[in-house]
């Protein structure tokens, strides 16, 4: 299991302001790039779905994907969302 403090690198293909513009100042599974909002049950479900797409996960190092998934899983528990384990 990845440490929750694993640093996620800034991605060149993402504007960190886009997430904030779309979702506001919310909690993200990838706070560096403001990707995968996890502030609501609906966002948790969407984040889990998106990070499990191979093309999305491929944009991160394996340790970063583990960190993002760990954060989404914790948010799922907080919001009472059941997700399929990978």
PDB file of N, CA and C in Angstrom:
ATOM      1  N   UNK A   1       0.856  -1.192   0.000  1.00  0.00           N
ATOM      2  CA  UNK A   1       0.000   0.000   0.000  1.00  0.00           C
ATOM      3  C   UNK A   1       0.886   1.233   0.000  1.00  0.00           C
ATOM      4  N   UNK A   2       0.570   2.183  -0.831  1.00  0.00           N
ATOM      5  CA  UNK A   2       1.359   3.409  -0.933  1.00  0.00           C
ATOM      6  C   UNK A   2       1.134   4.282   0.290  1.00  0.00           C
ATOM      7  N   UNK A   3       2.157   5.019   0.614  1.00  0.00           N
ATOM      8  CA  UNK A   3       2.003   6.004   1.670  1.00  0.00           C
ATOM      9  C   UNK A   3       1.055   7.084   1.166  1.00  0.00           C
ATOM     10  N   UNK A   4       0.242   7.608   2.068  1.00  0.00           N
ATOM     11  CA  UNK A   4      -0.695   8.641   1.647  1.00  0.00           C
ATOM     12  C   UNK A   4       0.014   9.952   1.361  1.00  0.00           C
ATOM     13  N   UNK A   5       1.240  10.107   1.829  1.00  0.00           N
ATOM     14  CA  UNK A   5       1.977  11.329   1.602  1.00  0.00           C
ATOM     15  C   UNK A   5       2.806  11.302   0.338  1.00  0.00           C
ATOM     16  N   UNK A   6       2.659  10.276  -0.493  1.00  0.00           N
ATOM     17  CA  UNK A   6       3.422  10.200  -1.727  1.00  0.00           C
ATOM     18  C   UNK A   6       3.148  11.444  -2.562  1.00  0.00           C
ATOM     19  N   UNK A   7       4.219  12.094  -2.984  1.00  0.00           N
ATOM     20  CA  UNK A   7       4.089  13.315  -3.773  1.00  0.00           C
ATOM     21  C   UNK A   7       3.652  12.971  -5.192  1.00  0.00           C
ATOM     22  N   UNK A   8       2.720  13.732  -5.685  1.00  0.00           N
ATOM     23  CA  UNK A   8       2.275  13.582  -7.063  1.00  0.00           C
ATOM     24  C   UNK A   8       2.871  14.741  -7.849  1.00  0.00           C
ATOM     25  N   UNK A   9       3.552  14.410  -8.927  1.00  0.00           N
ATOM     26  CA  UNK A   9       4.215  15.428  -9.730  1.00  0.00           C
ATOM     27  C   UNK A   9       3.228  16.237 -10.552  1.00  0.00           C
ATOM     28  N   UNK A  10       3.620  17.471 -10.824  1.00  0.00           N
ATOM     29  CA  UNK A  10       2.843  18.347 -11.701  1.00  0.00           C
ATOM     30  C   UNK A  10       2.879  17.768 -13.106  1.00  0.00           C
ATOM     31  N   UNK A  11       1.720  17.668 -13.722  1.00  0.00           N
ATOM     32  CA  UNK A  11       1.622  17.167 -15.094  1.00  0.00           C
ATOM     33  C   UNK A  11       1.659  18.326 -16.073  1.00  0.00           C
ATOM     34  N   UNK A  12       2.378  18.153 -17.186  1.00  0.00           N
ATOM     35  CA  UNK A  12       2.477  19.190 -18.208  1.00  0.00           C
ATOM     36  C   UNK A  12       1.197  19.325 -19.031  1.00  0.00           C
ATOM     37  N   UNK A  13       0.381  18.269 -19.053  1.00  0.00           N
ATOM     38  CA  UNK A  13      -0.816  18.277 -19.890  1.00  0.00           C
ATOM     39  C   UNK A  13      -2.063  18.795 -19.175  1.00  0.00           C
ATOM     40  N   UNK A  14      -1.879  19.364 -17.977  1.00  0.00           N
ATOM     41  CA  UNK A  14      -3.017  19.780 -17.161  1.00  0.00           C
ATOM     42  C   UNK A  14      -2.796  21.198 -16.643  1.00  0.00           C
ATOM     43  N   UNK A  15      -3.851  21.995 -16.672  1.00  0.00           N
ATOM     44  CA  UNK A  15      -3.829  23.288 -15.997  1.00  0.00           C
ATOM     45  C   UNK A  15      -4.440  23.081 -14.625  1.00  0.00           C
ATOM     46  N   UNK A  16      -3.664  23.358 -13.576  1.00  0.00           N
ATOM     47  CA  UNK A  16      -4.192  23.135 -12.227  1.00  0.00           C
ATOM     48  C   UNK A  16      -5.377  24.048 -11.934  1.00  0.00           C
ATOM     49  N   UNK A  17      -5.564  25.080 -12.730  1.00  0.00           N
ATOM     50  CA  UNK A  17      -6.691  25.992 -12.518  1.00  0.00           C
ATOM     51  C   UNK A  17      -7.993  25.451 -13.103  1.00  0.00           C
ATOM     52  N   UNK A  18      -7.898  24.496 -14.031  1.00  0.00           N
ATOM     53  CA  UNK A  18      -9.098  23.948 -14.653  1.00  0.00           C
ATOM     54  C   UNK A  18      -9.995  23.252 -13.630  1.00  0.00           C
ATOM     55  N   UNK A  19      -9.397  22.427 -12.765  1.00  0.00           N
ATOM     56  CA  UNK A  19     -10.181  21.727 -11.753  1.00  0.00           C
ATOM     57  C   UNK A  19     -10.875  22.676 -10.808  1.00  0.00           C
ATOM     58  N   UNK A  20     -10.155  23.696 -10.385  1.00  0.00           N
ATOM     59  CA  UNK A  20     -10.753  24.669  -9.475  1.00  0.00           C
ATOM     60  C   UNK A  20     -11.870  25.447 -10.170  1.00  0.00           C
ATOM     61  N   UNK A  21     -11.674  25.770 -11.442  1.00  0.00           N
ATOM     62  CA  UNK A  21     -12.697  26.482 -12.197  1.00  0.00           C
ATOM     63  C   UNK A  21     -13.958  25.616 -12.339  1.00  0.00           C
ATOM     64  N   UNK A  22     -13.767  24.306 -12.566  1.00  0.00           N
ATOM     65  CA  UNK A  22     -14.905  23.397 -12.761  1.00  0.00           C
ATOM     66  C   UNK A  22     -15.602  23.034 -11.451  1.00  0.00           C
ATOM     67  N   UNK A  23     -14.800  22.781 -10.395  1.00  0.00           N
ATOM     68  CA  UNK A  23     -15.358  22.204  -9.165  1.00  0.00           C
ATOM     69  C   UNK A  23     -15.261  23.104  -7.945  1.00  0.00           C
ATOM     70  N   UNK A  24     -14.504  24.186  -8.034  1.00  0.00           N
ATOM     71  CA  UNK A  24     -14.331  25.065  -6.888  1.00  0.00           C
ATOM     72  C   UNK A  24     -13.201  24.585  -5.994  1.00  0.00           C
ATOM     73  N   UNK A  25     -13.159  25.137  -4.825  1.00  0.00           N
ATOM     74  CA  UNK A  25     -12.111  24.807  -3.858  1.00  0.00           C
ATOM     75  C   UNK A  25     -12.553  23.578  -3.058  1.00  0.00           C
ATOM     76  N   UNK A  26     -12.332  22.392  -3.642  1.00  0.00           N
ATOM     77  CA  UNK A  26     -12.746  21.142  -3.014  1.00  0.00           C
ATOM     78  C   UNK A  26     -11.529  20.249  -2.799  1.00  0.00           C
ATOM     79  N   UNK A  27     -11.739  19.121  -2.161  1.00  0.00           N
ATOM     80  CA  UNK A  27     -10.662  18.166  -1.945  1.00  0.00           C
ATOM     81  C   UNK A  27     -10.519  17.274  -3.190  1.00  0.00           C
ATOM     82  N   UNK A  28      -9.268  17.040  -3.582  1.00  0.00           N
ATOM     83  CA  UNK A  28      -8.961  16.235  -4.761  1.00  0.00           C
ATOM     84  C   UNK A  28      -8.085  15.049  -4.377  1.00  0.00           C
ATOM     85  N   UNK A  29      -8.255  13.929  -5.074  1.00  0.00           N
ATOM     86  CA  UNK A  29      -7.361  12.784  -4.881  1.00  0.00           C
ATOM     87  C   UNK A  29      -5.975  13.110  -5.434  1.00  0.00           C
ATOM     88  N   UNK A  30      -5.901  13.980  -6.422  1.00  0.00           N
ATOM     89  CA  UNK A  30      -4.640  14.514  -6.947  1.00  0.00           C
ATOM     90  C   UNK A  30      -4.673  16.024  -6.755  1.00  0.00           C
ATOM     91  N   UNK A  31      -4.293  16.494  -5.565  1.00  0.00           N
ATOM     92  CA  UNK A  31      -4.364  17.930  -5.301  1.00  0.00           C
ATOM     93  C   UNK A  31      -3.328  18.748  -6.075  1.00  0.00           C
ATOM     94  N   UNK A  32      -2.229  18.148  -6.481  1.00  0.00           N
ATOM     95  CA  UNK A  32      -1.199  18.869  -7.234  1.00  0.00           C
ATOM     96  C   UNK A  32      -1.760  19.393  -8.546  1.00  0.00           C
ATOM     97  N   UNK A  33      -2.484  18.544  -9.246  1.00  0.00           N
ATOM     98  CA  UNK A  33      -3.035  18.892 -10.553  1.00  0.00           C
ATOM     99  C   UNK A  33      -4.524  19.200 -10.506  1.00  0.00           C
ATOM    100  N   UNK A  34      -5.080  19.142  -9.313  1.00  0.00           N
ATOM    101  CA  UNK A  34      -6.514  19.357  -9.087  1.00  0.00           C
ATOM    102  C   UNK A  34      -7.352  18.458  -9.997  1.00  0.00           C
ATOM    103  N   UNK A  35      -7.060  17.165  -9.877  1.00  0.00           N
ATOM    104  CA  UNK A  35      -7.782  16.139 -10.633  1.00  0.00           C
ATOM    105  C   UNK A  35      -8.471  15.204  -9.634  1.00  0.00           C
ATOM    106  N   UNK A  36      -9.556  14.623 -10.060  1.00  0.00           N
ATOM    107  CA  UNK A  36     -10.303  13.626  -9.292  1.00  0.00           C
ATOM    108  C   UNK A  36     -10.869  14.211  -7.985  1.00  0.00           C
ATOM    109  N   UNK A  37     -11.864  15.118  -8.105  1.00  0.00           N
ATOM    110  CA  UNK A  37     -12.495  15.667  -6.892  1.00  0.00           C
ATOM    111  C   UNK A  37     -13.161  14.541  -6.098  1.00  0.00           C
ATOM    112  N   UNK A  38     -13.054  14.637  -4.782  1.00  0.00           N
ATOM    113  CA  UNK A  38     -13.586  13.594  -3.895  1.00  0.00           C
ATOM    114  C   UNK A  38     -14.421  14.211  -2.775  1.00  0.00           C
ATOM    115  N   UNK A  39     -15.091  15.304  -3.070  1.00  0.00           N
ATOM    116  CA  UNK A  39     -15.855  16.030  -2.057  1.00  0.00           C
ATOM    117  C   UNK A  39     -17.295  15.561  -1.917  1.00  0.00           C
ATOM    118  N   UNK A  40     -17.801  14.797  -2.880  1.00  0.00           N
ATOM    119  CA  UNK A  40     -19.172  14.294  -2.812  1.00  0.00           C
ATOM    120  C   UNK A  40     -19.185  12.822  -3.232  1.00  0.00           C
ATOM    121  N   UNK A  41     -20.259  12.139  -2.901  1.00  0.00           N
ATOM    122  CA  UNK A  41     -20.385  10.728  -3.305  1.00  0.00           C
ATOM    123  C   UNK A  41     -20.323  10.596  -4.824  1.00  0.00           C
ATOM    124  N   UNK A  42     -20.977  11.499  -5.537  1.00  0.00           N
ATOM    125  CA  UNK A  42     -20.967  11.459  -6.998  1.00  0.00           C
ATOM    126  C   UNK A  42     -19.553  11.641  -7.549  1.00  0.00           C
ATOM    127  N   UNK A  43     -18.815  12.576  -6.986  1.00  0.00           N
ATOM    128  CA  UNK A  43     -17.438  12.805  -7.435  1.00  0.00           C
ATOM    129  C   UNK A  43     -16.532  11.625  -7.092  1.00  0.00           C
ATOM    130  N   UNK A  44     -16.751  10.996  -5.953  1.00  0.00           N
ATOM    131  CA  UNK A  44     -15.957   9.822  -5.574  1.00  0.00           C
ATOM    132  C   UNK A  44     -16.171   8.701  -6.592  1.00  0.00           C
ATOM    133  N   UNK A  45     -17.420   8.446  -6.946  1.00  0.00           N
ATOM    134  CA  UNK A  45     -17.712   7.400  -7.944  1.00  0.00           C
ATOM    135  C   UNK A  45     -17.045   7.718  -9.280  1.00  0.00           C
ATOM    136  N   UNK A  46     -17.139   8.977  -9.699  1.00  0.00           N
ATOM    137  CA  UNK A  46     -16.532   9.377 -10.971  1.00  0.00           C
ATOM    138  C   UNK A  46     -15.010   9.270 -10.902  1.00  0.00           C
ATOM    139  N   UNK A  47     -14.417   9.712  -9.802  1.00  0.00           N
ATOM    140  CA  UNK A  47     -12.954   9.652  -9.653  1.00  0.00           C
ATOM    141  C   UNK A  47     -12.471   8.214  -9.746  1.00  0.00           C
ATOM    142  N   UNK A  48     -13.182   7.304  -9.080  1.00  0.00           N
ATOM    143  CA  UNK A  48     -12.790   5.889  -9.108  1.00  0.00           C
ATOM    144  C   UNK A  48     -12.882   5.340 -10.527  1.00  0.00           C
ATOM    145  N   UNK A  49     -13.948   5.692 -11.217  1.00  0.00           N
ATOM    146  CA  UNK A  49     -14.112   5.224 -12.586  1.00  0.00           C
ATOM    147  C   UNK A  49     -12.992   5.745 -13.477  1.00  0.00           C
ATOM    148  N   UNK A  50     -12.710   7.024 -13.392  1.00  0.00           N
ATOM    149  CA  UNK A  50     -11.695   7.621 -14.264  1.00  0.00           C
ATOM    150  C   UNK A  50     -10.291   7.109 -13.977  1.00  0.00           C
ATOM    151  N   UNK A  51      -9.901   6.987 -12.717  1.00  0.00           N
ATOM    152  CA  UNK A  51      -8.522   6.558 -12.434  1.00  0.00           C
ATOM    153  C   UNK A  51      -8.321   5.099 -12.820  1.00  0.00           C
ATOM    154  N   UNK A  52      -9.390   4.352 -12.955  1.00  0.00           N
ATOM    155  CA  UNK A  52      -9.278   2.955 -13.364  1.00  0.00           C
ATOM    156  C   UNK A  52      -9.296   2.772 -14.885  1.00  0.00           C
ATOM    157  N   UNK A  53      -9.392   3.852 -15.639  1.00  0.00           N
ATOM    158  CA  UNK A  53      -9.203   3.778 -17.090  1.00  0.00           C
ATOM    159  C   UNK A  53      -7.704   3.773 -17.350  1.00  0.00           C
ATOM    160  N   UNK A  54      -7.246   2.829 -18.140  1.00  0.00           N
ATOM    161  CA  UNK A  54      -5.807   2.681 -18.382  1.00  0.00           C
ATOM    162  C   UNK A  54      -5.164   3.946 -18.927  1.00  0.00           C
ATOM    163  N   UNK A  55      -5.850   4.648 -19.816  1.00  0.00           N
ATOM    164  CA  UNK A  55      -5.252   5.854 -20.390  1.00  0.00           C
ATOM    165  C   UNK A  55      -5.088   6.959 -19.357  1.00  0.00           C
ATOM    166  N   UNK A  56      -5.980   7.049 -18.398  1.00  0.00           N
ATOM    167  CA  UNK A  56      -5.838   8.044 -17.330  1.00  0.00           C
ATOM    168  C   UNK A  56      -4.738   7.646 -16.356  1.00  0.00           C
ATOM    169  N   UNK A  57      -4.718   6.403 -15.939  1.00  0.00           N
ATOM    170  CA  UNK A  57      -3.698   5.933 -15.005  1.00  0.00           C
ATOM    171  C   UNK A  57      -2.301   6.013 -15.620  1.00  0.00           C
ATOM    172  N   UNK A  58      -2.213   5.852 -16.933  1.00  0.00           N
ATOM    173  CA  UNK A  58      -0.915   5.872 -17.612  1.00  0.00           C
ATOM    174  C   UNK A  58      -0.228   7.234 -17.526  1.00  0.00           C
ATOM    175  N   UNK A  59      -0.948   8.261 -17.158  1.00  0.00           N
ATOM    176  CA  UNK A  59      -0.374   9.601 -17.047  1.00  0.00           C
ATOM    177  C   UNK A  59       0.359   9.810 -15.726  1.00  0.00           C
ATOM    178  N   UNK A  60       0.355   8.776 -14.874  1.00  0.00           N
ATOM    179  CA  UNK A  60       0.969   8.849 -13.552  1.00  0.00           C
ATOM    180  C   UNK A  60       1.953   7.702 -13.363  1.00  0.00           C
ATOM    181  N   UNK A  61       2.873   7.881 -12.429  1.00  0.00           N
ATOM    182  CA  UNK A  61       3.736   6.788 -11.979  1.00  0.00           C
ATOM    183  C   UNK A  61       2.867   5.819 -11.181  1.00  0.00           C
ATOM    184  N   UNK A  62       3.289   4.562 -11.091  1.00  0.00           N
ATOM    185  CA  UNK A  62       2.510   3.540 -10.367  1.00  0.00           C
ATOM    186  C   UNK A  62       2.274   3.945  -8.913  1.00  0.00           C
ATOM    187  N   UNK A  63       3.275   4.519  -8.266  1.00  0.00           N
ATOM    188  CA  UNK A  63       3.112   4.937  -6.864  1.00  0.00           C
ATOM    189  C   UNK A  63       2.090   6.066  -6.738  1.00  0.00           C
ATOM    190  N   UNK A  64       2.020   6.928  -7.738  1.00  0.00           N
ATOM    191  CA  UNK A  64       1.044   8.014  -7.714  1.00  0.00           C
ATOM    192  C   UNK A  64      -0.370   7.465  -7.884  1.00  0.00           C
ATOM    193  N   UNK A  65      -0.534   6.483  -8.748  1.00  0.00           N
ATOM    194  CA  UNK A  65      -1.851   5.852  -8.931  1.00  0.00           C
ATOM    195  C   UNK A  65      -2.291   5.198  -7.624  1.00  0.00           C
ATOM    196  N   UNK A  66      -1.381   4.514  -6.962  1.00  0.00           N
ATOM    197  CA  UNK A  66      -1.729   3.891  -5.670  1.00  0.00           C
ATOM    198  C   UNK A  66      -2.163   4.948  -4.662  1.00  0.00           C
ATOM    199  N   UNK A  67      -1.475   6.078  -4.623  1.00  0.00           N
ATOM    200  CA  UNK A  67      -1.830   7.158  -3.704  1.00  0.00           C
ATOM    201  C   UNK A  67      -3.204   7.715  -4.038  1.00  0.00           C
ATOM    202  N   UNK A  68      -3.455   7.978  -5.305  1.00  0.00           N
ATOM    203  CA  UNK A  68      -4.752   8.511  -5.732  1.00  0.00           C
ATOM    204  C   UNK A  68      -5.868   7.526  -5.378  1.00  0.00           C
ATOM    205  N   UNK A  69      -5.657   6.254  -5.664  1.00  0.00           N
ATOM    206  CA  UNK A  69      -6.676   5.246  -5.347  1.00  0.00           C
ATOM    207  C   UNK A  69      -6.914   5.150  -3.850  1.00  0.00           C
ATOM    208  N   UNK A  70      -5.855   5.242  -3.068  1.00  0.00           N
ATOM    209  CA  UNK A  70      -5.985   5.197  -1.614  1.00  0.00           C
ATOM    210  C   UNK A  70      -6.830   6.366  -1.112  1.00  0.00           C
ATOM    211  N   UNK A  71      -6.587   7.541  -1.645  1.00  0.00           N
ATOM    212  CA  UNK A  71      -7.361   8.727  -1.246  1.00  0.00           C
ATOM    213  C   UNK A  71      -8.826   8.588  -1.658  1.00  0.00           C
ATOM    214  N   UNK A  72      -9.068   8.038  -2.831  1.00  0.00           N
ATOM    215  CA  UNK A  72     -10.448   7.842  -3.282  1.00  0.00           C
ATOM    216  C   UNK A  72     -11.150   6.820  -2.390  1.00  0.00           C
ATOM    217  N   UNK A  73     -10.455   5.751  -2.044  1.00  0.00           N
ATOM    218  CA  UNK A  73     -11.054   4.727  -1.171  1.00  0.00           C
ATOM    219  C   UNK A  73     -11.429   5.308   0.187  1.00  0.00           C
ATOM    220  N   UNK A  74     -10.559   6.135   0.757  1.00  0.00           N
ATOM    221  CA  UNK A  74     -10.869   6.760   2.054  1.00  0.00           C
ATOM    222  C   UNK A  74     -12.082   7.688   1.923  1.00  0.00           C
ATOM    223  N   UNK A  75     -12.126   8.443   0.830  1.00  0.00           N
ATOM    224  CA  UNK A  75     -13.265   9.336   0.610  1.00  0.00           C
ATOM    225  C   UNK A  75     -14.548   8.528   0.416  1.00  0.00           C
ATOM    226  N   UNK A  76     -14.438   7.393  -0.255  1.00  0.00           N
ATOM    227  CA  UNK A  76     -15.610   6.536  -0.460  1.00  0.00           C
ATOM    228  C   UNK A  76     -16.185   6.096   0.879  1.00  0.00           C
ATOM    229  N   UNK A  77     -15.319   5.713   1.795  1.00  0.00           N
ATOM    230  CA  UNK A  77     -15.792   5.310   3.132  1.00  0.00           C
ATOM    231  C   UNK A  77     -16.491   6.475   3.825  1.00  0.00           C
ATOM    232  N   UNK A  78     -15.910   7.666   3.730  1.00  0.00           N
ATOM    233  CA  UNK A  78     -16.500   8.850   4.377  1.00  0.00           C
ATOM    234  C   UNK A  78     -17.879   9.179   3.803  1.00  0.00           C
ATOM    235  N   UNK A  79     -18.054   8.945   2.519  1.00  0.00           N
ATOM    236  CA  UNK A  79     -19.314   9.294   1.849  1.00  0.00           C
ATOM    237  C   UNK A  79     -20.267   8.107   1.724  1.00  0.00           C
ATOM    238  N   UNK A  80     -19.899   6.975   2.284  1.00  0.00           N
ATOM    239  CA  UNK A  80     -20.763   5.802   2.226  1.00  0.00           C
ATOM    240  C   UNK A  80     -20.908   5.217   0.845  1.00  0.00           C
ATOM    241  N   UNK A  81     -19.850   5.319   0.048  1.00  0.00           N
ATOM    242  CA  UNK A  81     -19.876   4.829  -1.331  1.00  0.00           C
ATOM    243  C   UNK A  81     -19.148   3.479  -1.393  1.00  0.00           C
ATOM    244  N   UNK A  82     -19.805   2.504  -1.976  1.00  0.00           N
ATOM    245  CA  UNK A  82     -19.148   1.208  -2.188  1.00  0.00           C
ATOM    246  C   UNK A  82     -18.521   1.206  -3.567  1.00  0.00           C
ATOM    247  N   UNK A  83     -17.249   0.857  -3.616  1.00  0.00           N
ATOM    248  CA  UNK A  83     -16.548   0.802  -4.894  1.00  0.00           C
ATOM    249  C   UNK A  83     -15.949  -0.576  -5.071  1.00  0.00           C
ATOM    250  N   UNK A  84     -15.816  -0.975  -6.334  1.00  0.00           N
ATOM    251  CA  UNK A  84     -15.202  -2.252  -6.652  1.00  0.00           C
ATOM    252  C   UNK A  84     -13.705  -2.145  -6.431  1.00  0.00           C
ATOM    253  N   UNK A  85     -13.156  -3.089  -5.692  1.00  0.00           N
ATOM    254  CA  UNK A  85     -11.693  -3.119  -5.515  1.00  0.00           C
ATOM    255  C   UNK A  85     -11.050  -3.435  -6.830  1.00  0.00           C
ATOM    256  N   UNK A  86      -9.855  -2.892  -7.056  1.00  0.00           N
ATOM    257  CA  UNK A  86      -9.152  -3.185  -8.300  1.00  0.00           C
ATOM    258  C   UNK A  86      -8.282  -4.383  -8.172  1.00  0.00           C
TER     259      UNK A  86
END
